[in-house]
Amino acid sequence: MKKLLILAYDFPPYVSVGGLRPYAWYRYLKEYGVKPVVVTRQWGNKYGNELDYIAPGESNETIVETTEYGTIIRTPYKPNLANRIMLKYGRSKFALIRKLVTAWYEFMQFLFFVGPKSGLYRGAKEYLKHNKVDAIIATGEPFVLFKYASALSTQFNIPWVADYRDPWSQNKGRSRIRSVRFFERKFSQNMSAVTTVSDFLKKKISENISVPTYYIIPNGYNPETIKQVEDICPEKGVLRIALAGSIYDWHPYKSVISTFAEFVKKNDYAPKIELNFFGINRHKEIEQFALENSIENNVRVYPRMDNASLLQNLSRHNVMLLFNDYSIMGTKIYDYLGLKRLILFCYSNDAEALALKDKYYPVGEVEGVSTHLQEDLINETHSGIVVKDKNHLSKVLSDLYDEFTQTGSIACHSINTSNYSRREGAYQLAEIIMKV
């Protein structure tokens, strides 16, 4: 059996979409002849918000867990000065000092093995001193893990693979920083291969680095978690629409909420329809916007929760709201597919939404690559309604409510959703490791 060392900063129990990809490798790789050894940091969910990302670990010693699926090495984590200040005084105090300290570490971590993330490098190095592995994979962000994998590959003569969940220098916010592009090229020199989530990202990555082999391993849903909730049905009597995950500046959330508010005000359905948000990053903003539109009784915002709890809650909803991410597929669409709930996609061609995209969208387009990946998948799987613009949304809401009042449910006739299980992604990675 091959053995794979996985460097994964985000990993359960930390509540993060980014942690679901390496967790699926840990959970399913052994089924396909690869034993996973995950090196991550110690996580806790003390705060239930973004502070969990910088909170200290539970121990100064490395914690090793061995299960039927593989091994997890949880390394100690000590917050840097900026993080300690934020934990003690909150986000509003000493902002300039925190920014300066954070910027220093963000740069210096690529020159030296310093900073709070470097515990993963030391933990992996210690493991490799006493254990043989056949390959290393580092999944980013954070992309400093690529530096660690590159260094370990050189020291122990082990091939390594870079897994891009997100763009690095390809992000417009970073592309202007020469050091970012320099470090990406530097650490790519001894890569054996790159894995990433889409053909779009593959082509963006290749604009800065030259690697002989690229593989596409899409994201997906966790089949075990989906199985646990497949018998849960939406509650009768209230049409519930849900959105899970982060809301970005290019998402037309104000347009969608205001259209929802107009629909509620024009009808007497107010107690019978809800728009609910789970684990979003604009909690207070959404609640205030709902209050300003007089629909505070129809909108609920729920805190971040682990993927199993999230899917339990989402399964009680009739419709899943999805914002257009254009060339980026994202991850939430796969959970929606797994749940087999109708997807409400906003928008395909709305003037206001396109203006937001022009102003805020973080990556440039690639010629010859689709700029509507989510829309393509929805059409391919027959899993939802592609809403053109705000006016179209008004009609769709009316049609959905009519269907709900007549039948007590919202139909979803999706097909071939099993193709998007994360187990399939683990199989694909196992095939790659066999070749490296």
Protein backbone atom coordinates (compact mmCIF):
# COMPACT_ATOMS: atom_id res chain seq x y z
CA MET A 1 0.00 0.00 0.00
CA LYS A 2 1.29 3.44 -0.92
CA LYS A 3 1.62 6.02 1.83
CA LEU A 4 0.76 9.70 1.25
CA LEU A 5 1.72 12.58 3.54
CA ILE A 6 -0.96 15.29 3.37
CA LEU A 7 -0.20 18.84 4.52
CA ALA A 8 -3.59 20.38 5.27
CA TYR A 9 -3.93 23.49 7.41
CA ASP A 10 -7.75 23.54 7.34
CA PHE A 11 -9.03 20.22 8.69
CA PRO A 12 -11.84 19.07 11.00
CA PRO A 13 -12.84 19.84 13.69
CA TYR A 14 -12.22 23.35 12.31
CA VAL A 15 -15.37 24.47 10.50
CA SER A 16 -14.10 25.27 7.03
CA VAL A 17 -15.14 24.39 3.50
CA GLY A 18 -11.43 24.15 2.68
CA GLY A 19 -10.98 21.36 5.22
CA LEU A 20 -13.56 19.10 3.57
CA ARG A 21 -11.32 18.27 0.60
CA PRO A 22 -8.36 16.84 2.58
CA TYR A 23 -10.76 15.20 5.03
CA ALA A 24 -12.30 13.25 2.14
CA TRP A 25 -8.84 12.07 1.14
CA TYR A 26 -8.21 10.92 4.69
CA ARG A 27 -11.58 9.20 4.84
CA TYR A 28 -11.56 7.37 1.47
CA LEU A 29 -7.98 6.99 0.15
CA LYS A 30 -7.35 3.72 1.96
CA GLU A 31 -10.19 2.13 -0.02
CA TYR A 32 -8.05 2.64 -3.12
CA GLY A 33 -4.68 1.43 -1.86
CA VAL A 34 -3.22 4.63 -0.37
CA LYS A 35 -2.68 5.13 3.35
CA PRO A 36 -3.09 8.83 4.31
CA VAL A 37 -1.01 10.59 6.94
CA VAL A 38 -2.47 14.05 7.56
CA VAL A 39 -0.36 16.78 9.14
CA THR A 40 -2.50 19.65 10.37
CA ARG A 41 -2.68 21.95 13.38
CA GLN A 42 -4.64 21.64 16.59
CA TRP A 43 -8.08 23.14 16.21
CA GLY A 44 -10.87 23.99 18.59
CA ASN A 45 -14.27 25.60 18.11
CA LYS A 46 -14.26 27.72 21.23
CA TYR A 47 -15.60 30.90 19.63
CA GLY A 48 -17.78 29.62 16.79
CA ASN A 49 -16.56 32.41 14.48
CA GLU A 50 -13.42 33.66 12.70
CA LEU A 51 -11.51 33.82 16.01
CA ASP A 52 -11.24 30.02 15.96
CA TYR A 53 -8.74 30.47 13.12
CA ILE A 54 -6.25 32.22 15.42
CA ALA A 55 -7.06 30.62 18.79
CA PRO A 56 -4.23 28.61 20.45
CA GLY A 57 -4.08 24.83 20.27
CA GLU A 58 -4.95 22.64 23.21
CA SER A 59 -1.42 21.33 23.84
CA ASN A 60 2.23 22.24 23.38
CA GLU A 61 2.86 18.65 22.29
CA THR A 62 2.02 17.04 18.98
CA ILE A 63 -1.11 14.88 19.14
CA VAL A 64 -1.18 11.75 16.97
CA GLU A 65 -4.42 9.95 16.14
CA THR A 66 -4.49 6.57 14.39
CA THR A 67 -7.78 5.24 13.05
CA GLU A 68 -9.00 2.67 10.56
CA TYR A 69 -8.70 5.32 7.83
CA GLY A 70 -5.17 6.55 8.49
CA THR A 71 -3.14 8.83 10.76
CA ILE A 72 -3.70 12.45 11.80
CA ILE A 73 -0.81 14.45 13.25
CA ARG A 74 -2.10 17.56 15.03
CA THR A 75 0.76 19.97 15.64
CA PRO A 76 0.86 22.69 18.34
CA TYR A 77 -0.34 26.15 17.40
CA LYS A 78 0.69 29.40 19.08
CA PRO A 79 -0.88 32.66 17.89
CA ASN A 80 1.52 35.39 16.82
CA LEU A 81 1.48 38.84 18.45
CA ALA A 82 -1.19 40.21 16.10
CA ASN A 83 -3.47 37.26 16.81
CA ARG A 84 -2.94 37.48 20.57
CA ILE A 85 -3.86 41.17 20.50
CA MET A 86 -7.02 40.44 18.54
CA LEU A 87 -8.03 37.59 20.87
CA LYS A 88 -7.57 39.84 23.90
CA TYR A 89 -8.85 43.20 22.69
CA GLY A 90 -11.09 42.42 19.70
CA ARG A 91 -11.08 43.53 16.08
CA SER A 92 -11.46 47.26 16.74
CA LYS A 93 -8.32 47.79 18.88
CA PHE A 94 -4.71 48.23 17.71
CA ALA A 95 -5.63 47.57 14.08
CA LEU A 96 -2.49 49.19 12.63
CA ILE A 97 -0.15 47.19 14.87
CA ARG A 98 -1.96 43.99 13.98
CA LYS A 99 -1.74 44.74 10.25
CA LEU A 100 2.00 45.45 10.45
CA VAL A 101 2.75 42.27 12.41
CA THR A 102 0.57 40.17 10.11
CA ALA A 103 2.24 41.63 7.00
CA TRP A 104 5.68 40.89 8.45
CA TYR A 105 4.81 37.24 9.06
CA GLU A 106 3.05 36.90 5.71
CA PHE A 107 6.29 37.81 3.95
CA MET A 108 8.90 36.33 6.28
CA GLN A 109 7.23 32.90 6.43
CA PHE A 110 8.25 32.40 2.81
CA LEU A 111 11.91 33.18 3.59
CA PHE A 112 12.27 31.37 6.90
CA PHE A 113 10.40 28.71 8.84
CA VAL A 114 8.69 31.20 11.13
CA GLY A 115 5.13 32.09 12.01
CA PRO A 116 2.22 30.18 13.51
CA LYS A 117 1.83 27.87 10.49
CA SER A 118 5.39 26.57 10.65
CA GLY A 119 4.37 23.95 13.20
CA LEU A 120 3.10 21.86 10.28
CA TYR A 121 6.55 21.85 8.70
CA ARG A 122 8.24 20.79 11.93
CA GLY A 123 5.65 18.10 12.61
CA ALA A 124 5.97 16.68 9.09
CA LYS A 125 9.76 16.78 9.23
CA GLU A 126 9.82 14.92 12.53
CA TYR A 127 7.49 12.25 11.13
CA LEU A 128 9.60 11.78 7.99
CA LYS A 129 12.76 11.28 10.05
CA HIS A 130 11.31 8.00 11.31
CA ASN A 131 8.78 6.99 8.64
CA LYS A 132 8.85 6.46 4.88
CA VAL A 133 6.16 7.85 2.58
CA ASP A 134 5.78 7.55 -1.18
CA ALA A 135 4.55 11.07 -1.88
CA ILE A 136 3.59 14.40 -0.33
CA ILE A 137 0.62 16.57 -1.23
CA ALA A 138 0.07 20.09 0.12
CA THR A 139 -3.34 21.70 -0.29
CA GLY A 140 -3.65 25.47 -0.32
CA GLU A 141 -4.52 27.92 0.92
CA PRO A 142 -2.46 28.73 2.92
CA PHE A 143 0.11 28.52 0.14
CA VAL A 144 3.08 28.57 2.51
CA LEU A 145 2.36 24.85 2.72
CA PHE A 146 3.83 24.62 -0.78
CA LYS A 147 7.11 25.92 0.61
CA TYR A 148 7.05 23.26 3.32
CA ALA A 149 6.28 20.47 0.85
CA SER A 150 9.02 21.67 -1.50
CA ALA A 151 11.57 21.72 1.32
CA LEU A 152 10.55 18.29 2.62
CA SER A 153 10.70 16.89 -0.90
CA THR A 154 14.28 18.07 -1.26
CA GLN A 155 15.38 16.91 2.20
CA PHE A 156 13.87 13.43 2.00
CA ASN A 157 13.85 12.84 -1.76
CA ILE A 158 10.08 12.40 -1.94
CA PRO A 159 7.95 13.58 -4.90
CA TRP A 160 5.34 16.18 -4.04
CA VAL A 161 2.09 17.44 -5.52
CA ALA A 162 0.61 20.95 -5.15
CA ASP A 163 -3.17 21.02 -4.72
CA TYR A 164 -4.72 24.38 -5.59
CA ARG A 165 -8.17 24.71 -4.09
CA ASP A 166 -8.03 28.44 -4.85
CA PRO A 167 -5.93 30.81 -6.97
CA TRP A 168 -2.64 32.07 -5.48
CA SER A 169 -0.83 34.64 -7.62
CA GLN A 170 -3.78 34.38 -10.00
CA ASN A 171 -5.92 36.35 -7.53
CA LYS A 172 -6.12 39.99 -8.67
CA GLY A 173 -5.42 41.19 -5.13
CA ARG A 174 -2.09 39.34 -5.08
CA SER A 175 -1.09 39.46 -8.73
CA ARG A 176 0.43 42.92 -8.36
CA ILE A 177 2.81 41.72 -5.63
CA ARG A 178 5.97 40.53 -7.37
CA SER A 179 7.15 38.44 -4.41
CA VAL A 180 4.02 36.29 -4.60
CA ARG A 181 4.70 35.33 -8.20
CA PHE A 182 8.38 34.81 -7.40
CA PHE A 183 7.70 32.45 -4.49
CA GLU A 184 5.14 30.50 -6.50
CA ARG A 185 7.67 29.92 -9.28
CA LYS A 186 10.42 29.08 -6.79
CA PHE A 187 8.48 26.39 -4.96
CA SER A 188 7.14 24.91 -8.19
CA GLN A 189 10.62 23.96 -9.41
CA ASN A 190 10.50 20.50 -7.82
CA MET A 191 6.76 19.82 -8.07
CA SER A 192 5.91 16.48 -9.63
CA ALA A 193 2.36 17.54 -10.50
CA VAL A 194 -0.42 20.01 -9.80
CA THR A 195 -3.96 19.06 -8.87
CA THR A 196 -6.74 21.61 -8.93
CA VAL A 197 -10.52 21.86 -9.03
CA SER A 198 -11.26 23.07 -12.57
CA ASP A 199 -9.83 23.56 -16.03
CA PHE A 200 -10.16 27.32 -15.52
CA LEU A 201 -7.88 27.28 -12.49
CA LYS A 202 -5.46 24.94 -14.25
CA LYS A 203 -5.02 27.47 -17.06
CA LYS A 204 -4.67 30.39 -14.63
CA ILE A 205 -1.98 28.53 -12.67
CA SER A 206 -0.04 27.69 -15.83
CA GLU A 207 0.26 31.41 -16.60
CA ASN A 208 2.87 31.73 -13.83
CA ILE A 209 4.44 28.31 -13.38
CA SER A 210 5.52 25.46 -15.64
CA VAL A 211 4.74 22.01 -14.30
CA PRO A 212 4.77 18.94 -16.54
CA THR A 213 1.53 17.38 -15.30
CA TYR A 214 -1.83 18.81 -14.25
CA TYR A 215 -4.82 16.88 -12.96
CA ILE A 216 -8.39 18.10 -12.39
CA ILE A 217 -10.02 16.75 -9.21
CA PRO A 218 -13.32 18.59 -8.72
CA ASN A 219 -14.77 19.19 -5.30
CA GLY A 220 -17.88 17.29 -4.28
CA TYR A 221 -20.15 16.28 -1.43
CA ASN A 222 -19.43 13.85 1.38
CA PRO A 223 -21.52 10.74 0.63
CA GLU A 224 -21.49 9.52 4.24
CA THR A 225 -22.91 12.81 5.52
CA ILE A 226 -25.50 12.97 2.75
CA LYS A 227 -26.63 9.43 3.57
CA GLN A 228 -27.24 10.46 7.19
CA VAL A 229 -29.73 13.15 6.14
CA GLU A 230 -31.34 11.60 3.06
CA ASP A 231 -34.51 10.67 4.99
CA ILE A 232 -35.02 14.18 6.39
CA CYS A 233 -37.80 16.03 4.57
CA PRO A 234 -38.60 19.75 4.53
CA GLU A 235 -41.17 20.74 7.12
CA LYS A 236 -44.69 21.29 5.86
CA GLY A 237 -46.44 24.62 5.92
CA VAL A 238 -43.51 26.98 5.28
CA LEU A 239 -41.58 27.41 2.04
CA ARG A 240 -37.95 27.68 3.14
CA ILE A 241 -35.08 28.94 0.99
CA ALA A 242 -31.51 28.57 2.29
CA LEU A 243 -28.06 29.87 1.46
CA ALA A 244 -24.92 28.40 3.05
CA GLY A 245 -21.42 29.83 3.20
CA SER A 246 -19.64 33.07 2.49
CA ILE A 247 -21.18 36.02 0.67
CA TYR A 248 -18.68 37.94 -1.45
CA ASP A 249 -18.69 41.51 -2.73
CA TRP A 250 -19.61 40.43 -6.26
CA HIS A 251 -22.69 38.54 -5.05
CA PRO A 252 -25.98 40.43 -5.64
CA TYR A 253 -27.34 39.61 -2.19
CA LYS A 254 -29.03 42.98 -1.71
CA SER A 255 -30.87 42.58 -4.98
CA VAL A 256 -32.06 39.09 -4.05
CA ILE A 257 -33.17 40.09 -0.55
CA SER A 258 -34.97 43.21 -1.76
CA THR A 259 -36.76 41.17 -4.45
CA PHE A 260 -37.74 38.64 -1.79
CA ALA A 261 -39.01 41.52 0.37
CA GLU A 262 -41.09 42.92 -2.49
CA PHE A 263 -42.64 39.50 -3.02
CA VAL A 264 -43.55 39.19 0.68
CA LYS A 265 -45.04 42.69 0.85
CA LYS A 266 -47.14 42.20 -2.29
CA ASN A 267 -48.70 39.04 -0.91
CA ASP A 268 -50.13 37.86 2.36
CA TYR A 269 -47.72 34.93 2.54
CA ALA A 270 -45.41 36.54 5.12
CA PRO A 271 -45.63 33.83 7.79
CA LYS A 272 -45.33 31.08 5.17
CA ILE A 273 -42.03 31.81 3.44
CA GLU A 274 -38.50 32.16 4.84
CA LEU A 275 -35.06 33.09 3.53
CA ASN A 276 -32.42 31.61 5.83
CA PHE A 277 -28.64 32.07 5.85
CA PHE A 278 -26.15 29.60 7.36
CA GLY A 279 -22.57 30.35 8.35
CA ILE A 280 -22.35 33.58 6.38
CA ASN A 281 -19.72 36.26 6.92
CA ARG A 282 -22.15 39.22 6.90
CA HIS A 283 -24.37 38.33 9.83
CA LYS A 284 -25.19 41.81 11.12
CA GLU A 285 -25.38 43.32 7.64
CA ILE A 286 -27.98 40.80 6.46
CA GLU A 287 -30.07 41.19 9.61
CA GLN A 288 -29.98 44.99 9.29
CA PHE A 289 -30.89 44.86 5.59
CA ALA A 290 -33.82 42.54 6.38
CA LEU A 291 -34.97 44.98 9.09
CA GLU A 292 -34.77 47.93 6.70
CA ASN A 293 -36.93 45.98 4.23
CA SER A 294 -39.43 45.01 6.97
CA ILE A 295 -38.91 41.26 6.52
CA GLU A 296 -37.06 40.55 9.76
CA ASN A 297 -39.64 37.86 10.58
CA ASN A 298 -38.94 36.09 7.29
CA VAL A 299 -35.15 36.07 7.43
CA ARG A 300 -32.97 34.08 9.82
CA VAL A 301 -29.18 34.03 10.13
CA TYR A 302 -27.54 30.99 11.72
CA PRO A 303 -23.94 30.65 12.94
CA ARG A 304 -21.19 28.53 11.42
CA MET A 305 -21.51 24.81 12.07
CA ASP A 306 -19.79 21.61 11.03
CA ASN A 307 -20.74 20.09 7.69
CA ALA A 308 -22.91 17.33 9.19
CA SER A 309 -24.98 19.81 11.22
CA LEU A 310 -25.20 22.16 8.26
CA LEU A 311 -26.59 19.47 5.98
CA GLN A 312 -29.12 18.45 8.62
CA ASN A 313 -30.40 22.01 8.67
CA LEU A 314 -30.30 22.49 4.91
CA SER A 315 -32.22 19.25 4.35
CA ARG A 316 -35.22 20.87 6.10
CA HIS A 317 -35.37 23.49 3.34
CA ASN A 318 -37.10 23.30 -0.02
CA VAL A 319 -34.85 25.48 -2.15
CA MET A 320 -31.10 26.23 -2.11
CA LEU A 321 -29.95 29.74 -3.09
CA LEU A 322 -26.71 29.96 -5.07
CA PHE A 323 -24.95 33.13 -6.24
CA ASN A 324 -23.10 33.26 -9.56
CA ASP A 325 -19.34 32.73 -9.18
CA TYR A 326 -18.75 32.71 -12.96
CA SER A 327 -15.45 30.92 -13.70
CA ILE A 328 -15.22 29.52 -10.17
CA MET A 329 -17.34 26.49 -9.33
CA GLY A 330 -17.10 26.80 -5.54
CA THR A 331 -18.08 24.02 -3.17
CA LYS A 332 -21.60 24.68 -1.88
CA ILE A 333 -23.18 23.64 -5.17
CA TYR A 334 -22.02 20.07 -4.53
CA ASP A 335 -23.74 19.85 -1.15
CA TYR A 336 -26.87 21.19 -2.81
CA LEU A 337 -26.61 18.45 -5.45
CA GLY A 338 -26.12 15.81 -2.79
CA LEU A 339 -29.20 16.98 -0.91
CA LYS A 340 -31.28 16.86 -4.12
CA ARG A 341 -32.96 20.17 -3.41
CA LEU A 342 -33.89 22.63 -6.15
CA ILE A 343 -31.13 25.17 -6.75
CA LEU A 344 -32.12 28.82 -7.28
CA PHE A 345 -29.22 30.35 -9.23
CA CYS A 346 -28.90 34.16 -9.16
CA TYR A 347 -28.16 35.61 -11.70
CA SER A 348 -27.09 34.67 -15.21
CA ASN A 349 -27.41 38.11 -16.83
CA ASP A 350 -28.40 40.87 -14.42
CA ALA A 351 -27.01 44.37 -15.05
CA GLU A 352 -26.44 45.19 -11.38
CA ALA A 353 -24.79 41.83 -10.71
CA LEU A 354 -22.47 42.22 -13.70
CA ALA A 355 -21.45 45.66 -12.44
CA LEU A 356 -20.52 44.07 -9.10
CA LYS A 357 -18.50 41.44 -10.96
CA ASP A 358 -16.58 44.08 -12.91
CA LYS A 359 -15.72 45.87 -9.69
CA TYR A 360 -14.98 43.01 -7.28
CA TYR A 361 -14.44 39.67 -9.03
CA PRO A 362 -10.96 38.45 -7.98
CA VAL A 363 -9.70 36.60 -11.08
CA GLY A 364 -9.53 37.36 -14.76
CA GLU A 365 -11.21 35.26 -17.41
CA VAL A 366 -9.43 32.72 -19.61
CA GLU A 367 -10.14 32.53 -23.30
CA GLY A 368 -11.82 29.28 -24.28
CA VAL A 369 -12.90 28.39 -20.73
CA SER A 370 -16.51 28.66 -19.58
CA THR A 371 -17.41 31.68 -17.46
CA HIS A 372 -20.59 30.02 -16.20
CA LEU A 373 -19.44 26.76 -14.65
CA GLN A 374 -22.21 26.55 -12.06
CA GLU A 375 -24.87 27.26 -14.66
CA ASP A 376 -23.40 24.51 -16.86
CA LEU A 377 -23.54 22.00 -14.00
CA ILE A 378 -27.10 22.94 -13.05
CA ASN A 379 -28.22 22.44 -16.64
CA GLU A 380 -26.27 19.20 -16.96
CA THR A 381 -27.83 17.73 -13.80
CA HIS A 382 -31.31 19.30 -14.22
CA SER A 383 -30.93 20.45 -10.64
CA GLY A 384 -32.30 23.97 -10.56
CA ILE A 385 -33.55 27.20 -12.09
CA VAL A 386 -31.12 29.62 -13.73
CA VAL A 387 -32.53 33.05 -12.88
CA LYS A 388 -31.66 35.67 -15.48
CA ASP A 389 -32.16 38.85 -13.47
CA LYS A 390 -34.12 40.54 -10.71
CA ASN A 391 -37.37 40.65 -12.70
CA HIS A 392 -37.09 36.97 -13.52
CA LEU A 393 -36.55 36.22 -9.82
CA SER A 394 -39.88 37.86 -8.95
CA LYS A 395 -41.69 35.51 -11.32
CA VAL A 396 -39.75 32.46 -10.10
CA LEU A 397 -40.64 33.18 -6.48
CA SER A 398 -44.29 33.45 -7.43
CA ASP A 399 -44.16 30.19 -9.38
CA LEU A 400 -42.40 28.38 -6.55
CA TYR A 401 -44.92 29.55 -4.01
CA ASP A 402 -47.79 28.45 -6.24
CA GLU A 403 -46.20 25.01 -6.56
CA PHE A 404 -45.69 24.82 -2.81
CA THR A 405 -49.28 25.78 -1.94
CA GLN A 406 -50.64 23.26 -4.43
CA THR A 407 -48.39 20.28 -3.65
CA GLY A 408 -46.84 21.02 -0.24
CA SER A 409 -43.33 20.63 -1.66
CA ILE A 410 -40.89 21.80 -4.33
CA ALA A 411 -39.87 19.16 -6.86
CA CYS A 412 -36.25 18.52 -7.80
CA HIS A 413 -35.64 16.14 -10.71
CA SER A 414 -31.83 16.17 -10.66
CA ILE A 415 -29.87 13.41 -12.42
CA ASN A 416 -26.38 11.90 -12.19
CA THR A 417 -25.55 13.65 -8.90
CA SER A 418 -23.61 10.59 -7.67
CA ASN A 419 -20.83 11.58 -10.09
CA TYR A 420 -19.96 14.43 -7.70
CA SER A 421 -19.20 12.45 -4.54
CA ARG A 422 -15.91 13.22 -2.78
CA ARG A 423 -15.23 9.47 -2.76
CA GLU A 424 -14.74 9.78 -6.52
CA GLY A 425 -12.21 12.55 -5.91
CA ALA A 426 -10.27 10.32 -3.51
CA TYR A 427 -10.20 7.59 -6.16
CA GLN A 428 -8.81 10.06 -8.69
CA LEU A 429 -6.10 11.18 -6.25
CA ALA A 430 -5.15 7.57 -5.50
CA GLU A 431 -4.67 6.98 -9.23
CA ILE A 432 -2.40 10.02 -9.38
CA ILE A 433 -0.31 8.91 -6.39
CA MET A 434 0.22 5.54 -8.02
CA LYS A 435 1.85 7.34 -10.99
CA VAL A 436 3.97 9.90 -9.11
